[in-house]
Amino acid sequence: MSSVQLTGAGVAAVAFTNKSLASPPATLRVCSSRRLGRSLVVKAATVVAPKYTSLKPLGDRVLVKLGASEEKTAGGILLPSTAQTKPQGGEVVAVGAGRTIGDKKIEVGIQTGAEVVYSKYAGTEVEFNDSKHLILKEDDIIGILETDDVKDMKPLNDRVLIKVAEAEDTTPGGLILTETTKEKPSIGTVVAVGPGSLDEDGKRQPLSVPAGSTVLYSKYAGSEFKGADSTGYIVLRASDVMAVLS
């Protein structure tokens, strides 16, 4: 499960390192990793000539321009490039024509210009016009950021946004717990729900978990976030919600 810190400067993953890549100007570089032998990792790249000035995603794919990596810790310490956090969000700059389910044409439901958060390991990273981008499926986008605060995130498809319950500060015997020893909660309150997934006829199936419900969810599912006030949130699929508590 990934953990993400949202700030006014953008979206950044807090437990993921970023390898800096050098690339010629005005080129498109598709990056992938190939492991040779025991320890040598070679970055394979496909470079497109500068005459190509546009990149149009196909099908239900979207092109996201990545946010900047965090260069400092919360305490102001400068981070080397190998320790900088990899962005997990950015701006949608192009969308595909959509896909066909049965006889129904389904357009991509995300507009260009939207600020989005996506699954941590999704998509293919590219460098285009001297900026880092990601090409990924629409379903890999977790939600749309309507403000700089995660509490206002609009989850997509069959995902739900949950405000995580606070962990206990003491044991039943009265011992004070540190942050590292606190039991991670898997209970929270549903803040917002997506419109539901598409069935085989291309129709939306509404989610059965309403906003405001207190739920028990799978401990190792979803992506964790911190709000502007350091409140914990998690976005996960509705299928990872195991029970409603009352």
Protein backbone atom coordinates (compact mmCIF):
# COMPACT_ATOMS: atom_id res chain seq x y z
CA MET A 1 0.00 0.00 0.00
CA SER A 2 1.40 3.34 -1.00
CA SER A 3 1.58 6.41 1.20
CA VAL A 4 1.22 9.92 -0.22
CA GLN A 5 1.58 13.44 1.14
CA LEU A 6 -0.51 16.15 -0.54
CA THR A 7 0.72 19.72 -0.38
CA GLY A 8 -0.22 22.99 -2.04
CA ALA A 9 2.75 22.56 -4.38
CA GLY A 10 1.37 19.31 -5.75
CA VAL A 11 1.15 15.60 -5.05
CA ALA A 12 4.13 13.48 -4.02
CA ALA A 13 4.61 9.89 -2.84
CA VAL A 14 6.45 9.76 0.49
CA ALA A 15 7.93 6.28 0.30
CA PHE A 16 9.14 6.03 -3.27
CA THR A 17 12.48 7.09 -4.76
CA ASN A 18 12.96 8.78 -8.10
CA LYS A 19 15.88 8.09 -10.44
CA SER A 20 16.77 11.23 -12.38
CA LEU A 21 17.02 10.69 -16.14
CA ALA A 22 18.98 12.83 -18.54
CA SER A 23 17.39 13.31 -21.97
CA PRO A 24 18.05 15.39 -25.09
CA PRO A 25 15.77 18.43 -25.52
CA ALA A 26 12.59 18.19 -27.58
CA THR A 27 12.57 14.40 -27.62
CA LEU A 28 10.24 11.71 -26.41
CA ARG A 29 11.85 9.11 -24.20
CA VAL A 30 10.04 5.96 -23.10
CA CYS A 31 11.81 4.53 -20.08
CA SER A 32 11.87 0.94 -18.91
CA SER A 33 14.22 -1.16 -16.78
CA ARG A 34 16.10 -4.28 -17.85
CA ARG A 35 18.19 -6.21 -15.33
CA LEU A 36 21.40 -7.77 -16.56
CA GLY A 37 23.35 -10.15 -14.32
CA ARG A 38 23.00 -9.76 -10.57
CA SER A 39 23.25 -6.05 -9.93
CA LEU A 40 23.46 -4.06 -13.19
CA VAL A 41 20.25 -2.29 -14.21
CA VAL A 42 20.13 -0.77 -17.70
CA LYS A 43 17.58 1.90 -18.58
CA ALA A 44 16.28 1.21 -22.09
CA ALA A 45 14.90 4.26 -23.88
CA THR A 46 13.16 4.87 -27.20
CA VAL A 47 13.86 8.35 -28.53
CA VAL A 48 11.54 9.99 -31.07
CA ALA A 49 12.92 12.66 -33.41
CA PRO A 50 12.21 16.33 -32.52
CA LYS A 51 9.87 16.66 -35.52
CA TYR A 52 7.18 14.90 -33.46
CA THR A 53 5.49 17.67 -31.47
CA SER A 54 2.31 15.98 -30.22
CA LEU A 55 1.46 12.83 -28.31
CA LYS A 56 -2.11 11.53 -28.64
CA PRO A 57 -3.19 8.72 -26.28
CA LEU A 58 -5.27 5.94 -27.80
CA GLY A 59 -8.35 4.17 -26.48
CA ASP A 60 -9.13 4.85 -22.81
CA ARG A 61 -5.63 6.10 -22.04
CA VAL A 62 -4.72 9.55 -20.74
CA LEU A 63 -1.51 11.57 -20.76
CA VAL A 64 -0.61 13.17 -17.44
CA LYS A 65 2.09 15.80 -16.97
CA LEU A 66 3.76 14.91 -13.68
CA GLY A 67 4.12 17.22 -10.73
CA ALA A 68 7.56 18.11 -9.40
CA SER A 69 9.39 15.85 -6.95
CA GLU A 70 9.76 17.06 -3.39
CA GLU A 71 13.28 18.50 -3.05
CA LYS A 72 13.12 19.11 0.72
CA THR A 73 11.83 17.28 3.75
CA ALA A 74 9.11 18.80 5.92
CA GLY A 75 11.93 20.09 8.14
CA GLY A 76 13.65 21.86 5.24
CA ILE A 77 16.49 19.37 4.62
CA LEU A 78 17.57 19.21 0.98
CA LEU A 79 17.19 15.74 -0.54
CA PRO A 80 19.57 14.20 -3.11
CA SER A 81 17.93 13.20 -6.39
CA THR A 82 17.94 9.51 -5.40
CA ALA A 83 15.94 10.27 -2.24
CA GLN A 84 13.44 12.71 -3.70
CA THR A 85 9.85 11.53 -3.60
CA LYS A 86 8.28 10.48 -6.87
CA PRO A 87 5.12 12.38 -7.84
CA GLN A 88 1.87 10.43 -7.83
CA GLY A 89 -0.25 13.09 -9.43
CA GLY A 90 -0.32 15.74 -12.10
CA GLU A 91 -2.31 17.49 -14.79
CA VAL A 92 -4.18 15.70 -17.60
CA VAL A 93 -2.93 17.17 -20.88
CA ALA A 94 -4.50 14.76 -23.40
CA VAL A 95 -7.09 11.97 -23.46
CA GLY A 96 -7.91 9.15 -25.85
CA ALA A 97 -11.14 8.69 -27.80
CA GLY A 98 -12.48 6.14 -25.32
CA ARG A 99 -13.43 2.49 -25.64
CA THR A 100 -16.31 0.33 -26.80
CA ILE A 101 -18.26 -1.97 -24.47
CA GLY A 102 -20.73 -4.09 -26.42
CA ASP A 103 -22.38 -1.69 -28.85
CA LYS A 104 -21.84 1.34 -26.63
CA LYS A 105 -19.08 3.90 -27.09
CA ILE A 106 -17.66 5.02 -23.73
CA GLU A 107 -15.74 8.28 -23.79
CA VAL A 108 -12.96 9.04 -21.31
CA GLY A 109 -14.66 10.80 -18.39
CA ILE A 110 -11.69 12.94 -17.40
CA GLN A 111 -11.21 16.36 -18.96
CA THR A 112 -7.90 17.90 -19.98
CA GLY A 113 -6.67 20.33 -17.36
CA ALA A 114 -7.91 18.19 -14.45
CA GLU A 115 -5.51 17.63 -11.54
CA VAL A 116 -5.51 13.90 -10.80
CA VAL A 117 -3.97 11.29 -8.52
CA TYR A 118 -3.11 7.88 -9.96
CA SER A 119 -2.11 4.42 -8.77
CA LYS A 120 1.52 4.28 -7.72
CA TYR A 121 2.80 1.66 -10.16
CA ALA A 122 0.54 2.47 -13.10
CA GLY A 123 1.39 3.56 -16.61
CA THR A 124 4.47 4.17 -18.73
CA GLU A 125 6.71 7.13 -17.99
CA VAL A 126 7.78 9.29 -20.92
CA GLU A 127 9.77 12.46 -21.38
CA PHE A 128 8.17 14.82 -23.88
CA ASN A 129 9.07 18.44 -24.59
CA ASP A 130 11.53 18.39 -21.68
CA SER A 131 8.83 17.42 -19.17
CA LYS A 132 8.03 14.11 -17.51
CA HIS A 133 4.67 12.56 -18.38
CA LEU A 134 2.82 9.32 -17.73
CA ILE A 135 0.57 7.43 -20.15
CA LEU A 136 -1.92 5.30 -18.25
CA LYS A 137 -5.39 3.77 -18.40
CA GLU A 138 -8.32 5.84 -17.18
CA ASP A 139 -9.07 3.19 -14.56
CA ASP A 140 -5.61 3.71 -13.03
CA ILE A 141 -6.58 7.24 -12.01
CA ILE A 142 -7.69 7.21 -8.38
CA GLY A 143 -9.47 10.55 -8.25
CA ILE A 144 -9.67 14.18 -9.27
CA LEU A 145 -8.27 16.90 -7.00
CA GLU A 146 -10.70 19.82 -6.95
CA THR A 147 -8.65 21.67 -4.29
CA ASP A 148 -5.22 21.25 -2.70
CA ASP A 149 -6.76 19.27 0.17
CA VAL A 150 -7.29 15.52 -0.22
CA LYS A 151 -10.55 15.71 1.74
CA ASP A 152 -12.08 17.31 -1.35
CA MET A 153 -10.87 14.58 -3.72
CA LYS A 154 -13.49 13.19 -6.09
CA PRO A 155 -12.92 9.39 -6.31
CA LEU A 156 -13.46 7.76 -9.70
CA ASN A 157 -15.16 4.56 -10.83
CA ASP A 158 -15.60 2.04 -7.98
CA ARG A 159 -13.31 3.80 -5.51
CA VAL A 160 -14.19 5.37 -2.18
CA LEU A 161 -12.44 8.06 -0.11
CA ILE A 162 -12.25 7.21 3.59
CA LYS A 163 -11.18 9.33 6.57
CA VAL A 164 -9.09 6.99 8.68
CA ALA A 165 -9.90 6.63 12.37
CA GLU A 166 -7.14 7.78 14.72
CA ALA A 167 -4.87 5.10 16.14
CA GLU A 168 -4.97 4.38 19.87
CA ASP A 169 -2.36 6.33 21.87
CA THR A 170 -2.15 3.85 24.75
CA THR A 171 -2.36 0.11 25.30
CA PRO A 172 -5.22 -1.42 27.39
CA GLY A 173 -2.71 -1.46 30.26
CA GLY A 174 -2.06 2.27 29.98
CA LEU A 175 1.32 2.25 28.23
CA ILE A 176 1.87 5.18 25.88
CA LEU A 177 2.54 4.12 22.30
CA THR A 178 4.99 5.81 19.93
CA GLU A 179 4.08 6.52 16.31
CA THR A 180 6.03 3.44 15.19
CA THR A 181 4.28 1.09 17.61
CA LYS A 182 0.71 2.28 17.21
CA GLU A 183 -1.61 -0.30 15.69
CA LYS A 184 -2.56 0.78 12.20
CA PRO A 185 -6.34 1.31 12.03
CA SER A 186 -8.46 -0.29 9.30
CA ILE A 187 -11.66 1.55 10.28
CA GLY A 188 -12.81 4.88 8.95
CA THR A 189 -15.65 7.06 7.72
CA VAL A 190 -16.57 7.20 4.04
CA VAL A 191 -16.18 10.79 2.84
CA ALA A 192 -17.00 10.37 -0.87
CA VAL A 193 -17.77 7.58 -3.33
CA GLY A 194 -17.19 7.20 -7.06
CA PRO A 195 -19.98 6.74 -9.62
CA GLY A 196 -19.39 2.99 -9.80
CA SER A 197 -17.82 0.65 -12.33
CA LEU A 198 -19.18 -0.14 -15.79
CA ASP A 199 -21.01 -3.41 -16.39
CA GLU A 200 -20.83 -5.47 -19.60
CA ASP A 201 -23.46 -3.22 -21.17
CA GLY A 202 -21.53 -0.06 -20.40
CA LYS A 203 -23.88 1.07 -17.61
CA ARG A 204 -22.70 2.43 -14.27
CA GLN A 205 -23.35 0.23 -11.25
CA PRO A 206 -23.82 2.49 -8.19
CA LEU A 207 -21.80 1.59 -5.13
CA SER A 208 -23.58 0.11 -2.12
CA VAL A 209 -21.46 1.99 0.44
CA PRO A 210 -22.92 5.48 1.07
CA ALA A 211 -20.98 8.52 2.22
CA GLY A 212 -21.06 8.92 6.00
CA SER A 213 -20.84 5.19 6.71
CA THR A 214 -18.30 3.87 9.22
CA VAL A 215 -16.59 0.92 7.58
CA LEU A 216 -14.02 -1.81 8.13
CA TYR A 217 -11.65 -2.18 5.19
CA SER A 218 -8.79 -4.43 4.13
CA LYS A 219 -5.60 -3.39 5.93
CA TYR A 220 -3.28 -3.69 2.93
CA ALA A 221 -5.51 -2.15 0.26
CA GLY A 222 -5.59 1.27 -1.35
CA SER A 223 -3.43 4.41 -1.28
CA GLU A 224 -2.93 6.48 1.86
CA PHE A 225 -2.88 10.29 1.96
CA LYS A 226 -2.41 13.11 4.44
CA GLY A 227 -4.78 16.09 4.32
CA ALA A 228 -3.81 19.72 4.82
CA ASP A 229 -4.38 19.31 8.57
CA SER A 230 -2.43 16.00 8.67
CA THR A 231 -5.63 13.96 8.92
CA GLY A 232 -5.21 10.47 7.41
CA TYR A 233 -7.24 9.40 4.40
CA ILE A 234 -7.26 6.33 2.19
CA VAL A 235 -8.69 5.70 -1.28
CA LEU A 236 -9.55 2.11 -2.15
CA ARG A 237 -11.92 0.09 -4.28
CA ALA A 238 -15.37 -0.62 -2.87
CA SER A 239 -14.59 -4.35 -3.03
CA ASP A 240 -11.91 -3.77 -0.36
CA VAL A 241 -14.56 -2.52 2.10
CA MET A 242 -15.38 -5.60 4.19
CA ALA A 243 -18.20 -4.39 6.49
CA VAL A 244 -20.33 -1.45 7.59
CA LEU A 245 -20.20 -0.69 11.32
CA SER A 246 -23.10 0.74 13.32
